[in-house]
Structures are given as structure tokens and as C-alpha cells.
Amino acid sequence: MVDPTSDVGEDVSPEDAPTCATCGEQILNERTHRVITWIEDDAVQSAHFCDERCRMNWDGDS
């Protein structure tokens, strides 16, 4: 699992890379990478996106 507080552009191995919650593409050191977080049932949840378009098209069912 990728640390959501890590620096942008930090080297991420393919084994640890997140996938886009909208299109399913693996995200490896992309400058367009977006992450949103929220609290649900007393736990932190997050969703990763390969770019702003995928983030805006996300329906919330990750």
C-alpha cells in the first residue's frame, strides 16, 4: 500500500503502485496523480486517480 502522505514523484514500485478508482490503470510516479480521502465507519478511506478527468468522473463506488 502506498503511503498517502508520501512526496509527489517519490519512486513507487509496480507492486506498491495504486490503481485509478475510475479507469483501473496503474499509477506510477505520474504528476497528474490525484488522491481523495474521507472518513467512513470510523476508518480513513482513500481513492487514487490517474488524472483530474478520472477524478471528476468517479462515481464513489471504489
PDB file of N, CA and C in Angstrom:
ATOM      1  N   MET A   1       0.851  -1.186   0.000  1.00  0.00           N
ATOM      2  CA  MET A   1       0.000   0.000   0.000  1.00  0.00           C
ATOM      3  C   MET A   1       0.887   1.237   0.000  1.00  0.00           C
ATOM      4  N   VAL A   2       0.514   2.214  -0.788  1.00  0.00           N
ATOM      5  CA  VAL A   2       1.252   3.457  -0.880  1.00  0.00           C
ATOM      6  C   VAL A   2       0.866   4.368   0.270  1.00  0.00           C
ATOM      7  N   ASP A   3       1.877   4.990   0.872  1.00  0.00           N
ATOM      8  CA  ASP A   3       1.637   5.951   1.938  1.00  0.00           C
ATOM      9  C   ASP A   3       1.021   7.207   1.319  1.00  0.00           C
ATOM     10  N   PRO A   4      -0.229   7.559   1.648  1.00  0.00           N
ATOM     11  CA  PRO A   4      -0.868   8.724   1.032  1.00  0.00           C
ATOM     12  C   PRO A   4      -0.207  10.044   1.403  1.00  0.00           C
ATOM     13  N   THR A   5       0.702  10.038   2.389  1.00  0.00           N
ATOM     14  CA  THR A   5       1.391  11.263   2.778  1.00  0.00           C
ATOM     15  C   THR A   5       2.773  11.367   2.142  1.00  0.00           C
ATOM     16  N   SER A   6       3.142  10.430   1.265  1.00  0.00           N
ATOM     17  CA  SER A   6       4.461  10.463   0.651  1.00  0.00           C
ATOM     18  C   SER A   6       4.570  11.627  -0.324  1.00  0.00           C
ATOM     19  N   ASP A   7       5.809  11.991  -0.633  1.00  0.00           N
ATOM     20  CA  ASP A   7       6.065  13.098  -1.548  1.00  0.00           C
ATOM     21  C   ASP A   7       5.601  12.772  -2.956  1.00  0.00           C
ATOM     22  N   VAL A   8       5.105  13.777  -3.655  1.00  0.00           N
ATOM     23  CA  VAL A   8       4.729  13.619  -5.053  1.00  0.00           C
ATOM     24  C   VAL A   8       5.996  13.302  -5.840  1.00  0.00           C
ATOM     25  N   GLY A   9       5.908  12.329  -6.736  1.00  0.00           N
ATOM     26  CA  GLY A   9       7.056  11.968  -7.550  1.00  0.00           C
ATOM     27  C   GLY A   9       7.998  10.980  -6.884  1.00  0.00           C
ATOM     28  N   GLU A  10       7.709  10.580  -5.661  1.00  0.00           N
ATOM     29  CA  GLU A  10       8.545   9.602  -4.976  1.00  0.00           C
ATOM     30  C   GLU A  10       8.462   8.289  -5.739  1.00  0.00           C
ATOM     31  N   ASP A  11       9.592   7.602  -5.855  1.00  0.00           N
ATOM     32  CA  ASP A  11       9.609   6.336  -6.583  1.00  0.00           C
ATOM     33  C   ASP A  11       8.680   5.323  -5.926  1.00  0.00           C
ATOM     34  N   VAL A  12       7.777   4.788  -6.723  1.00  0.00           N
ATOM     35  CA  VAL A  12       6.831   3.778  -6.271  1.00  0.00           C
ATOM     36  C   VAL A  12       7.042   2.555  -7.148  1.00  0.00           C
ATOM     37  N   SER A  13       7.218   1.408  -6.518  1.00  0.00           N
ATOM     38  CA  SER A  13       7.430   0.183  -7.289  1.00  0.00           C
ATOM     39  C   SER A  13       6.097  -0.289  -7.865  1.00  0.00           C
ATOM     40  N   PRO A  14       6.138  -1.033  -8.978  1.00  0.00           N
ATOM     41  CA  PRO A  14       4.899  -1.536  -9.575  1.00  0.00           C
ATOM     42  C   PRO A  14       4.068  -2.377  -8.606  1.00  0.00           C
ATOM     43  N   GLU A  15       4.727  -3.075  -7.688  1.00  0.00           N
ATOM     44  CA  GLU A  15       3.999  -3.906  -6.725  1.00  0.00           C
ATOM     45  C   GLU A  15       3.194  -3.061  -5.745  1.00  0.00           C
ATOM     46  N   ASP A  16       3.676  -1.842  -5.468  1.00  0.00           N
ATOM     47  CA  ASP A  16       3.032  -0.977  -4.483  1.00  0.00           C
ATOM     48  C   ASP A  16       2.195   0.132  -5.100  1.00  0.00           C
ATOM     49  N   ALA A  17       2.213   0.243  -6.418  1.00  0.00           N
ATOM     50  CA  ALA A  17       1.517   1.345  -7.084  1.00  0.00           C
ATOM     51  C   ALA A  17       0.003   1.181  -6.965  1.00  0.00           C
ATOM     52  N   PRO A  18      -0.687   2.287  -6.715  1.00  0.00           N
ATOM     53  CA  PRO A  18      -2.150   2.233  -6.661  1.00  0.00           C
ATOM     54  C   PRO A  18      -2.730   2.154  -8.066  1.00  0.00           C
ATOM     55  N   THR A  19      -4.003   1.841  -8.155  1.00  0.00           N
ATOM     56  CA  THR A  19      -4.702   1.854  -9.436  1.00  0.00           C
ATOM     57  C   THR A  19      -5.777   2.925  -9.388  1.00  0.00           C
ATOM     58  N   CYS A  20      -6.078   3.469 -10.533  1.00  0.00           N
ATOM     59  CA  CYS A  20      -7.086   4.515 -10.648  1.00  0.00           C
ATOM     60  C   CYS A  20      -8.463   3.931 -10.309  1.00  0.00           C
ATOM     61  N   ALA A  21      -9.190   4.615  -9.424  1.00  0.00           N
ATOM     62  CA  ALA A  21     -10.518   4.155  -8.998  1.00  0.00           C
ATOM     63  C   ALA A  21     -11.550   4.261 -10.117  1.00  0.00           C
ATOM     64  N   THR A  22     -11.241   4.991 -11.183  1.00  0.00           N
ATOM     65  CA  THR A  22     -12.180   5.151 -12.292  1.00  0.00           C
ATOM     66  C   THR A  22     -11.857   4.217 -13.449  1.00  0.00           C
ATOM     67  N   CYS A  23     -10.621   4.277 -13.951  1.00  0.00           N
ATOM     68  CA  CYS A  23     -10.287   3.504 -15.155  1.00  0.00           C
ATOM     69  C   CYS A  23      -9.497   2.232 -14.878  1.00  0.00           C
ATOM     70  N   GLY A  24      -8.965   2.077 -13.660  1.00  0.00           N
ATOM     71  CA  GLY A  24      -8.246   0.862 -13.303  1.00  0.00           C
ATOM     72  C   GLY A  24      -6.786   0.817 -13.718  1.00  0.00           C
ATOM     73  N   GLU A  25      -6.287   1.885 -14.355  1.00  0.00           N
ATOM     74  CA  GLU A  25      -4.879   1.923 -14.765  1.00  0.00           C
ATOM     75  C   GLU A  25      -3.981   2.054 -13.542  1.00  0.00           C
ATOM     76  N   GLN A  26      -2.825   1.401 -13.586  1.00  0.00           N
ATOM     77  CA  GLN A  26      -1.840   1.506 -12.523  1.00  0.00           C
ATOM     78  C   GLN A  26      -1.184   2.882 -12.591  1.00  0.00           C
ATOM     79  N   ILE A  27      -0.949   3.495 -11.434  1.00  0.00           N
ATOM     80  CA  ILE A  27      -0.392   4.845 -11.365  1.00  0.00           C
ATOM     81  C   ILE A  27       1.037   4.759 -10.848  1.00  0.00           C
ATOM     82  N   LEU A  28       2.006   5.044 -11.722  1.00  0.00           N
ATOM     83  CA  LEU A  28       3.423   5.003 -11.362  1.00  0.00           C
ATOM     84  C   LEU A  28       4.041   6.387 -11.545  1.00  0.00           C
ATOM     85  N   ASN A  29       4.292   7.089 -10.461  1.00  0.00           N
ATOM     86  CA  ASN A  29       5.006   8.365 -10.476  1.00  0.00           C
ATOM     87  C   ASN A  29       4.451   9.355 -11.489  1.00  0.00           C
ATOM     88  N   GLU A  30       3.143   9.454 -11.580  1.00  0.00           N
ATOM     89  CA  GLU A  30       2.507  10.386 -12.504  1.00  0.00           C
ATOM     90  C   GLU A  30       2.290  11.727 -11.830  1.00  0.00           C
ATOM     91  N   ARG A  31       2.673  12.801 -12.501  1.00  0.00           N
ATOM     92  CA  ARG A  31       2.469  14.142 -11.957  1.00  0.00           C
ATOM     93  C   ARG A  31       0.986  14.490 -11.895  1.00  0.00           C
ATOM     94  N   THR A  32       0.165  13.791 -12.656  1.00  0.00           N
ATOM     95  CA  THR A  32      -1.274  14.061 -12.692  1.00  0.00           C
ATOM     96  C   THR A  32      -2.048  13.260 -11.640  1.00  0.00           C
ATOM     97  N   HIS A  33      -1.352  12.427 -10.857  1.00  0.00           N
ATOM     98  CA  HIS A  33      -1.956  11.575  -9.820  1.00  0.00           C
ATOM     99  C   HIS A  33      -2.739  12.438  -8.832  1.00  0.00           C
ATOM    100  N   ARG A  34      -3.978  12.045  -8.557  1.00  0.00           N
ATOM    101  CA  ARG A  34      -4.828  12.721  -7.581  1.00  0.00           C
ATOM    102  C   ARG A  34      -5.308  11.699  -6.561  1.00  0.00           C
ATOM    103  N   VAL A  35      -5.466  12.135  -5.321  1.00  0.00           N
ATOM    104  CA  VAL A  35      -5.961  11.265  -4.248  1.00  0.00           C
ATOM    105  C   VAL A  35      -6.992  12.048  -3.449  1.00  0.00           C
ATOM    106  N   ILE A  36      -8.091  11.384  -3.115  1.00  0.00           N
ATOM    107  CA  ILE A  36      -9.037  11.975  -2.178  1.00  0.00           C
ATOM    108  C   ILE A  36      -9.158  11.024  -0.991  1.00  0.00           C
ATOM    109  N   THR A  37      -9.410  11.588   0.173  1.00  0.00           N
ATOM    110  CA  THR A  37      -9.588  10.790   1.393  1.00  0.00           C
ATOM    111  C   THR A  37     -10.851  11.235   2.091  1.00  0.00           C
ATOM    112  N   TRP A  38     -11.417  10.305   2.867  1.00  0.00           N
ATOM    113  CA  TRP A  38     -12.622  10.610   3.636  1.00  0.00           C
ATOM    114  C   TRP A  38     -12.720   9.622   4.787  1.00  0.00           C
ATOM    115  N   ILE A  39     -13.562   9.939   5.743  1.00  0.00           N
ATOM    116  CA  ILE A  39     -13.806   9.067   6.895  1.00  0.00           C
ATOM    117  C   ILE A  39     -15.132   8.360   6.675  1.00  0.00           C
ATOM    118  N   GLU A  40     -15.112   7.045   6.799  1.00  0.00           N
ATOM    119  CA  GLU A  40     -16.324   6.247   6.659  1.00  0.00           C
ATOM    120  C   GLU A  40     -16.284   5.129   7.693  1.00  0.00           C
ATOM    121  N   ASP A  41     -17.313   5.017   8.499  1.00  0.00           N
ATOM    122  CA  ASP A  41     -17.380   3.999   9.557  1.00  0.00           C
ATOM    123  C   ASP A  41     -16.142   4.040  10.445  1.00  0.00           C
ATOM    124  N   ASP A  42     -15.756   5.263  10.852  1.00  0.00           N
ATOM    125  CA  ASP A  42     -14.614   5.491  11.744  1.00  0.00           C
ATOM    126  C   ASP A  42     -13.285   5.011  11.182  1.00  0.00           C
ATOM    127  N   ALA A  43     -13.173   4.896   9.866  1.00  0.00           N
ATOM    128  CA  ALA A  43     -11.912   4.495   9.227  1.00  0.00           C
ATOM    129  C   ALA A  43     -11.612   5.451   8.077  1.00  0.00           C
ATOM    130  N   VAL A  44     -10.328   5.694   7.857  1.00  0.00           N
ATOM    131  CA  VAL A  44      -9.911   6.543   6.742  1.00  0.00           C
ATOM    132  C   VAL A  44      -9.966   5.730   5.454  1.00  0.00           C
ATOM    133  N   GLN A  45     -10.624   6.279   4.452  1.00  0.00           N
ATOM    134  CA  GLN A  45     -10.717   5.665   3.133  1.00  0.00           C
ATOM    135  C   GLN A  45     -10.009   6.587   2.146  1.00  0.00           C
ATOM    136  N   SER A  46      -9.528   6.035   1.049  1.00  0.00           N
ATOM    137  CA  SER A  46      -8.923   6.877   0.023  1.00  0.00           C
ATOM    138  C   SER A  46      -9.178   6.275  -1.353  1.00  0.00           C
ATOM    139  N   ALA A  47      -9.120   7.135  -2.355  1.00  0.00           N
ATOM    140  CA  ALA A  47      -9.259   6.711  -3.748  1.00  0.00           C
ATOM    141  C   ALA A  47      -8.202   7.451  -4.557  1.00  0.00           C
ATOM    142  N   HIS A  48      -7.526   6.727  -5.423  1.00  0.00           N
ATOM    143  CA  HIS A  48      -6.476   7.284  -6.274  1.00  0.00           C
ATOM    144  C   HIS A  48      -7.014   7.438  -7.693  1.00  0.00           C
ATOM    145  N   PHE A  49      -6.514   8.455  -8.391  1.00  0.00           N
ATOM    146  CA  PHE A  49      -6.933   8.735  -9.762  1.00  0.00           C
ATOM    147  C   PHE A  49      -5.718   9.086 -10.596  1.00  0.00           C
ATOM    148  N   CYS A  50      -5.710   8.651 -11.858  1.00  0.00           N
ATOM    149  CA  CYS A  50      -4.553   8.916 -12.716  1.00  0.00           C
ATOM    150  C   CYS A  50      -4.504  10.366 -13.183  1.00  0.00           C
ATOM    151  N   ASP A  51      -5.633  11.057 -13.202  1.00  0.00           N
ATOM    152  CA  ASP A  51      -5.661  12.466 -13.587  1.00  0.00           C
ATOM    153  C   ASP A  51      -6.960  13.112 -13.104  1.00  0.00           C
ATOM    154  N   GLU A  52      -7.068  14.403 -13.331  1.00  0.00           N
ATOM    155  CA  GLU A  52      -8.232  15.146 -12.851  1.00  0.00           C
ATOM    156  C   GLU A  52      -9.514  14.703 -13.549  1.00  0.00           C
ATOM    157  N   ARG A  53      -9.426  14.320 -14.814  1.00  0.00           N
ATOM    158  CA  ARG A  53     -10.628  13.868 -15.532  1.00  0.00           C
ATOM    159  C   ARG A  53     -11.198  12.610 -14.877  1.00  0.00           C
ATOM    160  N   CYS A  54     -10.341  11.641 -14.567  1.00  0.00           N
ATOM    161  CA  CYS A  54     -10.827  10.433 -13.892  1.00  0.00           C
ATOM    162  C   CYS A  54     -11.383  10.774 -12.515  1.00  0.00           C
ATOM    163  N   ARG A  55     -10.738  11.698 -11.827  1.00  0.00           N
ATOM    164  CA  ARG A  55     -11.226  12.101 -10.502  1.00  0.00           C
ATOM    165  C   ARG A  55     -12.626  12.708 -10.622  1.00  0.00           C
ATOM    166  N   MET A  56     -12.843  13.533 -11.629  1.00  0.00           N
ATOM    167  CA  MET A  56     -14.153  14.174 -11.803  1.00  0.00           C
ATOM    168  C   MET A  56     -15.210  13.178 -12.279  1.00  0.00           C
ATOM    169  N   ASN A  57     -14.800  12.096 -12.942  1.00  0.00           N
ATOM    170  CA  ASN A  57     -15.744  11.094 -13.433  1.00  0.00           C
ATOM    171  C   ASN A  57     -16.039   9.993 -12.421  1.00  0.00           C
ATOM    172  N   TRP A  58     -15.375  10.013 -11.286  1.00  0.00           N
ATOM    173  CA  TRP A  58     -15.538   8.990 -10.268  1.00  0.00           C
ATOM    174  C   TRP A  58     -16.949   9.032  -9.687  1.00  0.00           C
ATOM    175  N   ASP A  59     -17.556   7.863  -9.540  1.00  0.00           N
ATOM    176  CA  ASP A  59     -18.916   7.822  -9.012  1.00  0.00           C
ATOM    177  C   ASP A  59     -18.967   7.481  -7.525  1.00  0.00           C
ATOM    178  N   GLY A  60     -17.807   7.261  -6.908  1.00  0.00           N
ATOM    179  CA  GLY A  60     -17.773   6.993  -5.481  1.00  0.00           C
ATOM    180  C   GLY A  60     -17.873   5.529  -5.109  1.00  0.00           C
ATOM    181  N   ASP A  61     -18.028   4.643  -6.071  1.00  0.00           N
ATOM    182  CA  ASP A  61     -18.109   3.210  -5.790  1.00  0.00           C
ATOM    183  C   ASP A  61     -16.756   2.555  -6.037  1.00  0.00           C
ATOM    184  N   SER A  62     -15.814   2.753  -5.101  1.00  0.00           N
ATOM    185  CA  SER A  62     -14.487   2.169  -5.287  1.00  0.00           C
ATOM    186  C   SER A  62     -14.409   0.780  -4.721  1.00  0.00           C
TER     187      SER A  62
END
